[in-house]
Protein backbone atom coordinates (compact mmCIF):
# COMPACT_ATOMS: atom_id res chain seq x y z
CA MET A 1 50.18 13.23 21.37
CA PRO A 2 48.64 13.98 17.91
CA ALA A 3 46.61 17.15 17.63
CA PHE A 4 43.44 15.35 16.48
CA LEU A 5 43.17 13.25 19.69
CA LEU A 6 43.10 16.38 21.48
CA GLN A 7 40.45 18.11 20.02
CA SER A 8 37.03 18.19 21.73
CA ALA A 9 34.00 16.56 20.30
CA GLY A 10 32.16 20.04 19.84
CA ASN A 11 28.47 20.57 20.16
CA PRO A 12 26.60 17.19 20.24
CA ILE A 13 23.71 18.55 18.46
CA ALA A 14 25.97 19.53 15.39
CA LEU A 15 27.37 16.03 15.53
CA PHE A 16 24.09 14.43 15.24
CA ALA A 17 22.18 16.92 12.95
CA PRO A 18 23.12 15.03 9.69
CA TYR A 19 21.91 11.71 11.03
CA LEU A 20 18.55 13.52 12.09
CA LEU A 21 18.32 15.36 8.79
CA ILE A 22 18.75 11.97 6.95
CA ALA A 23 16.00 10.37 9.25
CA VAL A 24 13.66 12.86 8.58
CA VAL A 25 14.07 12.82 4.76
CA PHE A 26 13.62 9.17 4.82
CA TYR A 27 10.47 9.42 6.86
CA PHE A 28 8.84 12.05 4.42
CA LEU A 29 10.16 10.27 1.22
CA LEU A 30 9.57 6.66 2.12
CA PHE A 31 7.63 6.01 5.09
CA LEU A 32 4.73 8.57 4.77
CA PRO A 33 3.84 7.58 1.39
CA MET A 34 3.78 4.07 2.25
CA GLN A 35 1.39 4.61 5.17
CA ARG A 36 -0.88 6.67 2.98
CA GLN A 37 -0.96 3.92 0.24
CA LYS A 38 -1.79 1.27 2.96
CA LYS A 39 -4.49 3.24 4.20
CA LYS A 40 -5.96 3.92 0.72
CA GLN A 41 -5.77 0.14 -0.13
CA ALA A 42 -7.33 -0.79 3.20
CA GLN A 43 -10.11 1.68 2.65
CA MET A 44 -10.70 0.46 -0.90
CA LEU A 45 -10.92 -3.19 0.52
CA ALA A 46 -13.33 -2.17 3.23
CA ASP A 47 -15.57 -0.22 0.63
CA LEU A 48 -16.05 -3.33 -1.64
CA LYS A 49 -19.55 -4.37 -2.42
CA SER A 50 -21.56 -6.62 -4.70
CA GLY A 51 -21.58 -5.46 -8.42
CA ASP A 52 -18.03 -3.80 -8.16
CA MET A 53 -15.68 -4.85 -10.87
CA VAL A 54 -12.29 -5.83 -9.48
CA VAL A 55 -8.77 -6.89 -10.42
CA THR A 56 -6.87 -9.35 -8.25
CA SER A 57 -3.35 -9.96 -7.67
CA SER A 58 -3.08 -12.69 -10.11
CA GLY A 59 -4.63 -10.32 -13.01
CA ILE A 60 -8.07 -12.06 -12.95
CA THR A 61 -10.68 -9.34 -13.53
CA GLY A 62 -14.31 -10.35 -12.30
CA THR A 63 -17.42 -8.77 -10.65
CA VAL A 64 -18.04 -9.26 -7.07
CA THR A 65 -21.24 -11.21 -6.54
CA ALA A 66 -21.09 -12.23 -2.99
CA ILE A 67 -18.93 -10.89 0.27
CA ASP A 68 -18.87 -12.90 3.41
CA GLY A 69 -16.19 -11.41 5.91
CA ASP A 70 -12.66 -11.79 4.25
CA THR A 71 -13.76 -13.76 1.13
CA LEU A 72 -15.78 -12.78 -1.92
CA ILE A 73 -17.12 -14.62 -5.02
CA LEU A 74 -15.97 -13.18 -8.39
CA ARG A 75 -18.10 -13.76 -11.40
CA VAL A 76 -15.42 -14.31 -14.37
CA LYS A 77 -16.46 -13.78 -18.07
CA PRO A 78 -16.70 -15.29 -20.48
CA ASP A 79 -18.44 -18.58 -19.15
CA ASN A 80 -19.65 -16.77 -15.84
CA LEU A 81 -17.43 -18.95 -13.69
CA LYS A 82 -17.62 -18.18 -10.05
CA LEU A 83 -14.16 -18.19 -8.13
CA GLN A 84 -13.84 -17.32 -4.48
CA PHE A 85 -10.93 -15.06 -3.30
CA VAL A 86 -9.61 -13.59 -0.05
CA ARG A 87 -10.45 -10.02 0.06
CA SER A 88 -6.83 -9.08 0.45
CA ALA A 89 -6.11 -10.45 -3.30
CA VAL A 90 -8.22 -7.52 -4.63
CA THR A 91 -5.55 -4.92 -5.98
CA SER A 92 -7.92 -2.38 -7.65
CA VAL A 93 -11.57 -1.56 -8.40
CA VAL A 94 -12.23 -1.04 -12.15
CA THR A 95 -14.28 1.95 -12.83
CA ALA A 96 -16.09 3.13 -15.86
CA GLU A 97 -13.17 5.63 -16.69
CA THR A 98 -10.49 2.86 -16.50
CA ALA A 99 -12.47 0.25 -18.42
CA LYS A 100 -12.46 2.52 -21.52
């Protein structure tokens, strides 16, 4: 019989240690930052109020005029057109610093 078939498996912890290390690295480099970003986005959407200037996922910039549950009304320049969006379409709030 060949010698490699007669060798024992060894320590099971040492056998699975590289897989555990890879899982931990993936968690800290991929999943944890994604969870933080989702929480930050959800908090931003929950904190929306009338008068905030926002950018939607389609690139439309407008000012929030009314919020009703999961929908909001944006006033879009130059004609002060009012458009209705779902709250989740908002990607960011434009602050005075980013407007410059």
